[in-house]
Amino acid sequence: MILLIHTSTAARQIQQQLGRPEYSYRFVVEEFRPLLDELGIVIEVDDPERQVDAIHASCRRHGEPCVFLCFMPPNKTPIGLACPTIPVFAWEYEALPSEAFGGKPRNDWTRVLAKLGAALTHSSFTVERTRAALGADFPIASVPAPLWDRVQSLREPLGGPVTLPVNGLVIDTRRTDLSAYRKSLLLAAQPDPLPLPENRHDYQGELVLDGVLYTAIFNPHDARKNWLEMITGFCDALRDKADATLLIKLTHHDPADIIPSLLEAVYKMGRLSCRVVLVHAYLQKPEYNTLLRATTYAVNTSHGEGQCLPLMEYMSAGKPAVAPRHTSMLDYVTPEGAFVIDSSVEPSTWPHDQRQAYRTLRQRIHYQSLVDAYRRSYHVARNEPEVYAAMGNAAAASLQRYCSAEVVRPRLQRFILDRLAASTTRSMDPVHVDPT
């Protein structure tokens, strides 16, 4: 079987593309690649419109089954190919886009998915929401990125203090004068963005981590991540705990314009003994693994997730979470392996809708529940080692049920073979559709 795959960010470009549209699909492809290599011959294409059908035609001549897996949102997946095409996408809102806004029919995902006839996604939540829009019999399956097996070698935690080599930007609130951020409190309208602190650390050096370490990894420009409440909730809950650290790993090619806003949020919380560290650096695998093993808790305060690879990694490695149970996280965040943050629905917009019209729902985090989760988690880490160990084991077990190769492999293989079988029952001639 020939498996053609595509996403918009090439592997060699990932450091420069962090935070740009669809960049995270590259990480998803990399997690799927070993499993896909087991299922067939994998060919990654750069230009699907030009390459896919040429390879598909060659496969037909040689009697070789061929399918195209497009790791992209439906509105950016080709819909006029002869090759059976399966979009592999993430979604975290209550309603799928169902309007051709911006004068682009492809912005109506229901239209695109109906033409493609099948899809893969990463959570039971998205399966339900897709079938709510396209019918209960629409062929779609949840196949999360199969990363559980890869991180099992990282289950053994590191005893502190831990030294993390970093080549990039580090801002540590214990070493940074935040008084400059008083300006934005005094001005009704800030005419210019505040600069980065002068005593930030652009260095090739070492960051020492100790105590109870909460780690979050996200693109700060992604409003879904709800970083303001993540920071303020941490400071509210643990302001007098000198051994509590919130480390935020920023995944964006250039977050300089938003870092002052994160630091302003810390400044507004007043006098603090706890520590907030911002890291903007591309960590190579050994350094990334060191951070994972040094972490006490993985943190997520988002309004919705399509699957959340960092949270899946950390929990797979036995790190309990401070996180809500909604959208994709319903599949793997449990009270046994996480301090669950309460949430409820509120009106929202589709993120790629320039009109920002309210057409869907997202999850609103309950702030006091977040504060309570920080406090309870700190108490357990410091005073109840048996409870902490049990939660770590429960987190890893939950992710094993969700995203181990043993679980994902047969589901993915069965879905692909079913789609290939379905494609043989209809004409294999190219389908001529409007590509707009």
Protein backbone atom coordinates (compact mmCIF):
# COMPACT_ATOMS: atom_id res chain seq x y z
CA MET A 1 0.00 0.00 0.00
CA ILE A 2 1.25 3.46 -0.93
CA LEU A 3 0.51 6.18 1.62
CA LEU A 4 0.89 9.71 0.30
CA ILE A 5 1.11 12.36 3.02
CA HIS A 6 1.24 16.14 3.03
CA THR A 7 1.26 19.08 5.39
CA SER A 8 2.11 22.70 4.70
CA THR A 9 5.22 22.97 6.91
CA ALA A 10 8.30 21.05 5.80
CA ALA A 11 10.38 19.36 8.49
CA ARG A 12 13.39 21.52 7.67
CA GLN A 13 11.34 24.70 8.19
CA ILE A 14 9.76 23.98 11.57
CA GLN A 15 12.01 26.30 13.64
CA GLN A 16 11.20 29.24 11.35
CA GLN A 17 7.50 28.38 11.07
CA LEU A 18 6.63 28.05 14.76
CA GLY A 19 3.37 29.86 15.42
CA ARG A 20 2.46 30.29 11.76
CA PRO A 21 -0.79 28.82 10.37
CA GLU A 22 -0.91 25.00 10.48
CA TYR A 23 2.63 24.69 11.91
CA SER A 24 1.48 22.17 14.53
CA TYR A 25 0.41 19.71 11.83
CA ARG A 26 4.11 19.05 11.18
CA PHE A 27 4.48 17.72 14.72
CA VAL A 28 1.42 15.54 14.18
CA VAL A 29 2.91 14.11 10.97
CA GLU A 30 6.18 13.33 12.75
CA GLU A 31 4.31 11.41 15.46
CA PHE A 32 2.35 9.41 12.88
CA ARG A 33 5.30 8.67 10.59
CA PRO A 34 6.69 5.53 12.34
CA LEU A 35 3.25 3.95 12.41
CA LEU A 36 2.54 4.85 8.79
CA ASP A 37 5.88 3.29 7.81
CA GLU A 38 4.63 0.05 9.34
CA LEU A 39 1.42 0.15 7.30
CA GLY A 40 2.86 0.84 3.87
CA ILE A 41 5.31 2.78 1.72
CA VAL A 42 5.12 6.43 2.73
CA ILE A 43 5.76 9.22 0.23
CA GLU A 44 5.58 12.82 1.43
CA VAL A 45 4.52 15.23 -1.30
CA ASP A 46 5.17 18.98 -1.42
CA ASP A 47 2.61 19.88 -4.12
CA PRO A 48 -0.49 17.67 -3.82
CA GLU A 49 -2.31 19.20 -6.80
CA ARG A 50 0.58 18.29 -9.09
CA GLN A 51 2.02 15.14 -7.52
CA VAL A 52 -0.72 13.06 -5.93
CA ASP A 53 -2.68 11.99 -9.01
CA ALA A 54 0.50 11.29 -10.99
CA ILE A 55 1.63 8.83 -8.30
CA HIS A 56 -1.88 7.45 -7.96
CA ALA A 57 -2.09 6.77 -11.71
CA SER A 58 1.23 4.92 -11.59
CA CYS A 59 -0.02 2.84 -8.66
CA ARG A 60 -3.17 1.92 -10.57
CA ARG A 61 -1.12 0.71 -13.53
CA HIS A 62 0.87 -1.54 -11.20
CA GLY A 63 -2.14 -2.73 -9.21
CA GLU A 64 -0.90 -1.02 -6.03
CA PRO A 65 -3.48 0.54 -3.67
CA CYS A 66 -2.82 4.22 -2.97
CA VAL A 67 -4.39 6.73 -0.59
CA PHE A 68 -3.64 10.36 0.22
CA LEU A 69 -3.59 11.53 3.86
CA CYS A 70 -3.68 15.33 3.99
CA PHE A 71 -2.72 16.66 7.42
CA MET A 72 -4.44 20.01 6.95
CA PRO A 73 -7.72 21.72 7.83
CA PRO A 74 -10.54 20.71 5.45
CA ASN A 75 -10.65 24.13 3.80
CA LYS A 76 -7.02 23.62 2.68
CA THR A 77 -7.37 19.99 1.59
CA PRO A 78 -7.56 19.33 -2.19
CA ILE A 79 -11.02 18.09 -3.18
CA GLY A 80 -10.69 17.36 -6.89
CA LEU A 81 -8.20 14.49 -6.91
CA ALA A 82 -8.72 11.02 -8.37
CA CYS A 83 -6.71 9.53 -5.51
CA PRO A 84 -8.81 8.67 -2.44
CA THR A 85 -8.19 11.64 -0.15
CA ILE A 86 -8.57 11.62 3.63
CA PRO A 87 -8.15 14.90 5.53
CA VAL A 88 -6.55 14.46 8.95
CA PHE A 89 -7.56 17.48 10.99
CA ALA A 90 -8.01 18.81 14.51
CA TRP A 91 -11.04 20.75 15.77
CA GLU A 92 -12.04 22.03 19.20
CA TYR A 93 -15.27 24.02 18.85
CA GLU A 94 -18.89 22.96 19.22
CA ALA A 95 -19.91 23.63 15.61
CA LEU A 96 -17.96 22.95 12.41
CA PRO A 97 -17.66 25.92 10.01
CA SER A 98 -20.78 25.73 7.86
CA GLU A 99 -20.78 29.06 6.03
CA ALA A 100 -18.89 30.19 2.92
CA PHE A 101 -17.64 33.39 4.55
CA GLY A 102 -15.16 35.67 2.85
CA GLY A 103 -16.57 34.71 -0.52
CA LYS A 104 -14.81 31.32 -0.31
CA PRO A 105 -17.02 28.22 -0.59
CA ARG A 106 -14.21 26.11 0.90
CA ASN A 107 -14.60 27.94 4.21
CA ASP A 108 -17.70 25.82 4.62
CA TRP A 109 -16.04 22.71 6.03
CA THR A 110 -19.24 20.70 5.81
CA ARG A 111 -19.24 21.21 2.04
CA VAL A 112 -15.61 20.11 1.69
CA LEU A 113 -15.98 17.07 3.94
CA ALA A 114 -19.13 15.98 2.13
CA LYS A 115 -17.23 16.03 -1.17
CA LEU A 116 -14.26 14.14 0.25
CA GLY A 117 -16.57 11.57 1.79
CA ALA A 118 -14.45 10.67 4.86
CA ALA A 119 -12.06 12.13 7.42
CA LEU A 120 -9.76 11.33 10.31
CA THR A 121 -9.46 13.40 13.45
CA HIS A 122 -7.98 13.00 16.92
CA SER A 123 -10.81 12.89 19.46
CA SER A 124 -14.26 11.48 20.06
CA PHE A 125 -15.43 15.08 20.59
CA THR A 126 -14.57 16.03 16.99
CA VAL A 127 -16.10 12.82 15.68
CA GLU A 128 -19.35 13.71 17.43
CA ARG A 129 -19.34 17.31 16.23
CA THR A 130 -18.60 16.25 12.64
CA ARG A 131 -21.40 13.71 12.61
CA ALA A 132 -23.73 16.28 14.13
CA ALA A 133 -23.10 18.38 11.02
CA LEU A 134 -22.87 15.66 8.34
CA GLY A 135 -24.98 12.81 9.65
CA ALA A 136 -24.47 9.87 11.99
CA ASP A 137 -23.18 7.63 9.20
CA PHE A 138 -20.42 9.96 7.96
CA PRO A 139 -17.17 7.93 7.83
CA ILE A 140 -14.88 9.51 10.41
CA ALA A 141 -12.68 8.04 13.15
CA SER A 142 -10.62 9.32 16.06
CA VAL A 143 -6.93 8.47 15.63
CA PRO A 144 -4.77 10.50 18.03
CA ALA A 145 -1.06 10.93 17.42
CA PRO A 146 0.50 7.63 18.62
CA LEU A 147 3.14 9.08 20.92
CA TRP A 148 2.67 7.10 24.15
CA ASP A 149 5.28 4.44 23.34
CA ARG A 150 7.93 7.00 22.39
CA VAL A 151 7.99 8.70 25.79
CA GLN A 152 7.98 5.63 28.04
CA SER A 153 11.77 5.84 28.38
CA LEU A 154 11.23 9.24 30.08
CA ARG A 155 9.05 7.97 32.92
CA GLU A 156 11.84 8.19 35.51
CA PRO A 157 11.74 11.73 37.04
CA LEU A 158 14.85 13.79 37.68
CA GLY A 159 15.64 14.82 41.24
CA GLY A 160 16.17 18.55 41.66
CA PRO A 161 17.78 20.87 41.24
CA VAL A 162 17.94 20.26 37.47
CA THR A 163 20.13 22.23 35.09
CA LEU A 164 18.51 22.87 31.71
CA PRO A 165 20.83 24.03 28.90
CA VAL A 166 19.14 26.79 26.89
CA ASN A 167 20.27 28.62 23.79
CA GLY A 168 17.79 31.46 23.40
CA LEU A 169 15.70 33.97 25.33
CA VAL A 170 14.97 33.35 29.02
CA ILE A 171 13.07 35.77 31.24
CA ASP A 172 12.99 34.87 34.92
CA THR A 173 10.76 37.05 37.10
CA ARG A 174 13.22 36.62 39.98
CA ARG A 175 15.93 38.26 37.91
CA THR A 176 13.84 40.81 36.02
CA ASP A 177 12.76 44.28 37.12
CA LEU A 178 9.08 44.38 36.24
CA SER A 179 8.57 47.99 37.37
CA ALA A 180 8.59 49.19 33.74
CA TYR A 181 5.21 47.52 33.32
CA ARG A 182 3.73 50.03 35.75
CA LYS A 183 3.41 52.38 32.75
CA SER A 184 0.58 50.45 31.19
CA LEU A 185 -1.37 50.73 34.43
CA LEU A 186 -1.01 54.50 34.49
CA LEU A 187 -1.89 55.22 30.87
CA ALA A 188 -5.43 55.00 29.61
CA ALA A 189 -4.08 54.02 26.20
CA GLN A 190 -0.55 52.75 25.68
CA PRO A 191 0.65 54.39 22.41
CA ASP A 192 3.53 52.00 21.90
CA PRO A 193 4.05 48.43 23.02
CA LEU A 194 6.26 48.02 26.06
CA PRO A 195 9.76 46.78 25.26
CA LEU A 196 11.33 43.56 26.40
CA PRO A 197 13.08 43.99 29.76
CA GLU A 198 16.63 45.28 29.45
CA ASN A 199 17.99 42.64 31.81
CA ARG A 200 16.49 39.67 29.99
CA HIS A 201 18.86 36.81 29.32
CA ASP A 202 19.68 36.16 25.67
CA TYR A 203 22.25 33.55 26.33
CA GLN A 204 23.75 30.22 25.68
CA GLY A 205 23.75 28.93 29.21
CA GLU A 206 21.94 27.00 31.90
CA LEU A 207 18.60 27.44 33.63
CA VAL A 208 18.36 25.90 37.10
CA LEU A 209 14.97 24.41 37.99
CA ASP A 210 13.95 23.18 41.41
CA GLY A 211 10.92 22.69 43.61
CA VAL A 212 7.41 22.13 42.25
CA LEU A 213 7.62 22.84 38.53
CA TYR A 214 4.51 23.52 36.43
CA THR A 215 5.22 23.45 32.69
CA ALA A 216 3.09 24.77 29.83
CA ILE A 217 4.01 24.73 26.14
CA PHE A 218 2.01 26.85 23.70
CA ASN A 219 1.93 29.58 21.08
CA PRO A 220 1.22 32.80 23.02
CA HIS A 221 -0.50 34.32 19.97
CA ASP A 222 -3.11 31.55 20.06
CA ALA A 223 -6.02 33.02 22.02
CA ARG A 224 -7.40 29.54 22.69
CA LYS A 225 -4.56 28.89 25.14
CA ASN A 226 -5.91 31.37 27.69
CA TRP A 227 -2.47 32.22 29.08
CA LEU A 228 -3.66 35.21 31.11
CA GLU A 229 -5.68 33.06 33.50
CA MET A 230 -2.90 30.46 33.56
CA ILE A 231 -0.46 33.07 34.87
CA THR A 232 -2.75 35.00 37.19
CA GLY A 233 -4.26 31.82 38.63
CA PHE A 234 -0.79 30.49 39.42
CA CYS A 235 0.24 33.76 41.10
CA ASP A 236 -3.01 33.97 43.05
CA ALA A 237 -2.76 30.39 44.27
CA LEU A 238 0.94 30.11 45.10
CA ARG A 239 2.16 33.69 45.56
CA ASP A 240 3.87 32.86 48.88
CA LYS A 241 5.47 29.58 47.73
CA ALA A 242 9.12 30.28 46.90
CA ASP A 243 9.59 26.72 45.65
CA ALA A 244 6.76 26.93 43.05
CA THR A 245 7.68 27.72 39.43
CA LEU A 246 5.53 28.16 36.34
CA LEU A 247 7.66 27.66 33.24
CA ILE A 248 6.10 28.69 29.95
CA LYS A 249 7.81 27.40 26.81
CA LEU A 250 6.80 29.76 24.01
CA THR A 251 6.34 28.10 20.62
CA HIS A 252 6.47 31.00 18.18
CA HIS A 253 9.14 32.15 15.75
CA ASP A 254 9.08 35.70 17.19
CA PRO A 255 6.99 36.28 20.36
CA ALA A 256 8.75 39.54 21.30
CA ASP A 257 5.62 41.64 20.78
CA ILE A 258 3.56 39.63 23.27
CA ILE A 259 6.15 38.85 25.96
CA PRO A 260 5.66 42.29 27.58
CA SER A 261 1.96 41.47 27.96
CA LEU A 262 2.81 38.24 29.77
CA LEU A 263 5.19 40.12 32.08
CA GLU A 264 2.62 42.83 32.69
CA ALA A 265 0.22 40.13 33.87
CA VAL A 266 2.82 38.99 36.41
CA TYR A 267 3.53 42.56 37.53
CA LYS A 268 -0.16 43.26 38.17
CA MET A 269 -0.28 40.38 40.67
CA GLY A 270 1.82 42.36 43.14
CA ARG A 271 4.57 41.04 45.40
CA LEU A 272 5.30 37.38 44.72
CA SER A 273 7.55 34.71 46.16
CA CYS A 274 6.67 32.21 43.43
CA ARG A 275 8.55 32.24 40.14
CA VAL A 276 7.47 32.60 36.50
CA VAL A 277 9.96 31.75 33.75
CA LEU A 278 9.45 32.42 30.03
CA VAL A 279 11.60 30.42 27.63
CA HIS A 280 11.81 31.19 23.94
CA ALA A 281 14.28 28.73 22.49
CA TYR A 282 14.12 25.70 20.25
CA LEU A 283 15.04 22.89 22.61
CA GLN A 284 16.79 19.97 21.00
CA LYS A 285 15.53 16.53 21.98
CA PRO A 286 17.91 15.99 24.96
CA GLU A 287 17.05 19.40 26.44
CA TYR A 288 13.33 18.96 25.76
CA ASN A 289 13.43 15.58 27.49
CA THR A 290 15.28 17.09 30.46
CA LEU A 291 12.51 19.66 30.89
CA LEU A 292 9.86 16.96 30.67
CA ARG A 293 11.55 14.77 33.29
CA ALA A 294 12.13 17.74 35.64
CA THR A 295 8.48 18.80 35.47
CA THR A 296 6.10 18.08 38.33
CA TYR A 297 2.84 18.99 36.56
CA ALA A 298 1.77 19.72 33.00
CA VAL A 299 -0.56 22.73 32.79
CA ASN A 300 -3.35 23.49 30.32
CA THR A 301 -5.98 26.23 30.72
CA SER A 302 -7.24 26.35 27.14
CA HIS A 303 -10.71 27.10 25.81
CA GLY A 304 -10.48 24.03 23.58
CA GLU A 305 -8.02 21.47 22.20
CA GLY A 306 -7.88 19.37 19.05
CA GLN A 307 -5.61 16.94 20.90
CA CYS A 308 -2.75 18.95 22.59
CA LEU A 309 0.48 17.09 21.90
CA PRO A 310 2.51 18.60 24.80
CA LEU A 311 -0.10 17.62 27.38
CA MET A 312 -0.32 14.13 25.85
CA GLU A 313 3.48 13.77 25.99
CA TYR A 314 3.79 14.83 29.61
CA MET A 315 0.91 12.71 30.83
CA SER A 316 2.19 9.72 28.84
CA ALA A 317 5.47 10.15 30.73
CA GLY A 318 3.63 9.97 34.05
CA LYS A 319 3.24 13.67 34.77
CA PRO A 320 -0.12 14.50 36.34
CA ALA A 321 -1.91 17.48 34.84
CA VAL A 322 -3.62 20.63 35.95
CA ALA A 323 -6.16 20.83 33.13
CA PRO A 324 -9.86 20.98 32.21
CA ARG A 325 -11.90 18.06 30.90
CA HIS A 326 -13.43 19.28 27.66
CA THR A 327 -13.10 18.89 23.86
CA SER A 328 -10.33 16.38 23.04
CA MET A 329 -9.19 16.24 26.66
CA LEU A 330 -12.39 14.41 27.54
CA ASP A 331 -10.70 11.33 26.07
CA TYR A 332 -7.72 11.26 28.42
CA VAL A 333 -7.88 13.80 31.28
CA THR A 334 -9.40 12.06 34.29
CA PRO A 335 -9.74 12.93 37.99
CA GLU A 336 -7.38 10.05 38.75
CA GLY A 337 -4.53 11.55 36.70
CA ALA A 338 -5.23 15.28 36.86
CA PHE A 339 -6.44 18.13 39.01
CA VAL A 340 -9.45 18.92 36.86
CA ILE A 341 -10.39 22.56 36.23
CA ASP A 342 -14.12 23.21 35.88
CA SER A 343 -15.39 24.85 32.70
CA SER A 344 -18.62 25.66 30.88
CA VAL A 345 -19.63 26.79 27.40
CA GLU A 346 -19.66 30.37 26.18
CA PRO A 347 -20.25 31.97 22.74
CA SER A 348 -17.26 32.07 20.42
CA THR A 349 -16.14 32.44 16.82
CA TRP A 350 -14.44 30.19 14.28
CA PRO A 351 -10.74 31.20 14.51
CA HIS A 352 -10.24 31.59 10.74
CA ASP A 353 -13.42 33.67 10.27
CA GLN A 354 -12.30 37.24 9.60
CA ARG A 355 -15.80 38.47 10.49
CA GLN A 356 -15.35 37.14 14.04
CA ALA A 357 -19.07 36.38 14.01
CA TYR A 358 -20.44 34.36 16.89
CA ARG A 359 -21.29 31.01 15.32
CA THR A 360 -20.05 28.43 17.79
CA LEU A 361 -19.20 27.71 21.44
CA ARG A 362 -15.96 27.30 23.34
CA GLN A 363 -15.17 26.42 26.97
CA ARG A 364 -14.81 29.10 29.63
CA ILE A 365 -12.42 28.23 32.43
CA HIS A 366 -13.76 28.74 35.97
CA TYR A 367 -11.07 30.86 37.58
CA GLN A 368 -11.56 29.82 41.21
CA SER A 369 -11.46 26.17 40.17
CA LEU A 370 -8.11 26.86 38.48
CA VAL A 371 -6.74 28.51 41.65
CA ASP A 372 -7.96 25.58 43.74
CA ALA A 373 -6.34 23.09 41.35
CA TYR A 374 -2.98 24.84 41.66
CA ARG A 375 -3.22 24.82 45.47
CA ARG A 376 -4.30 21.18 45.72
CA SER A 377 -1.64 20.04 43.29
CA TYR A 378 1.09 21.88 45.19
CA HIS A 379 -0.04 20.32 48.47
CA VAL A 380 0.03 16.83 46.97
CA ALA A 381 3.48 17.32 45.43
CA ARG A 382 4.89 18.52 48.72
CA ASN A 383 3.05 16.38 51.26
CA GLU A 384 1.54 13.29 49.64
CA PRO A 385 4.15 11.46 47.56
CA GLU A 386 2.07 8.28 47.35
CA VAL A 387 -0.91 10.19 45.96
CA TYR A 388 1.35 11.99 43.49
CA ALA A 389 2.88 8.71 42.28
CA ALA A 390 -0.56 7.14 41.86
CA MET A 391 -1.75 10.12 39.83
CA GLY A 392 1.30 9.88 37.58
CA ASN A 393 0.61 6.21 36.96
CA ALA A 394 -3.05 6.93 36.25
CA ALA A 395 -2.10 9.68 33.79
CA ALA A 396 0.21 7.35 31.88
CA ALA A 397 -2.40 4.56 31.88
CA SER A 398 -5.08 6.90 30.55
CA LEU A 399 -2.84 8.02 27.69
CA GLN A 400 -1.92 4.41 26.93
CA ARG A 401 -5.61 3.73 26.34
CA TYR A 402 -5.83 6.86 24.18
CA CYS A 403 -2.70 7.11 22.06
CA SER A 404 -0.51 4.01 22.28
CA ALA A 405 0.47 2.36 19.00
CA GLU A 406 -1.39 -0.74 20.11
CA VAL A 407 -4.64 1.24 20.20
CA VAL A 408 -4.09 3.55 17.22
CA ARG A 409 -2.57 1.08 14.72
CA PRO A 410 -5.57 -1.20 14.11
CA ARG A 411 -8.01 1.73 14.09
CA LEU A 412 -5.97 3.64 11.51
CA GLN A 413 -5.30 0.58 9.34
CA ARG A 414 -8.94 -0.48 9.35
CA PHE A 415 -10.12 3.01 8.38
CA ILE A 416 -7.66 3.31 5.49
CA LEU A 417 -8.52 -0.14 4.14
CA ASP A 418 -12.23 0.64 4.38
CA ARG A 419 -11.75 3.83 2.39
CA LEU A 420 -9.73 2.03 -0.26
CA ALA A 421 -12.44 -0.62 -0.52
CA ALA A 422 -15.12 2.07 -0.84
CA SER A 423 -13.15 3.82 -3.58
CA THR A 424 -13.12 0.68 -5.74
CA THR A 425 -16.92 0.64 -5.85
CA ARG A 426 -17.10 3.91 -7.74
CA SER A 427 -15.40 5.31 -10.80
CA MET A 428 -11.70 6.00 -10.45
CA ASP A 429 -11.86 8.86 -12.96
CA PRO A 430 -10.98 12.33 -11.63
CA VAL A 431 -13.93 14.12 -10.06
CA HIS A 432 -14.29 17.57 -11.57
CA VAL A 433 -15.35 19.98 -8.84
CA ASP A 434 -15.00 23.66 -8.20
CA PRO A 435 -11.58 24.00 -6.44
CA THR A 436 -12.46 27.34 -4.82
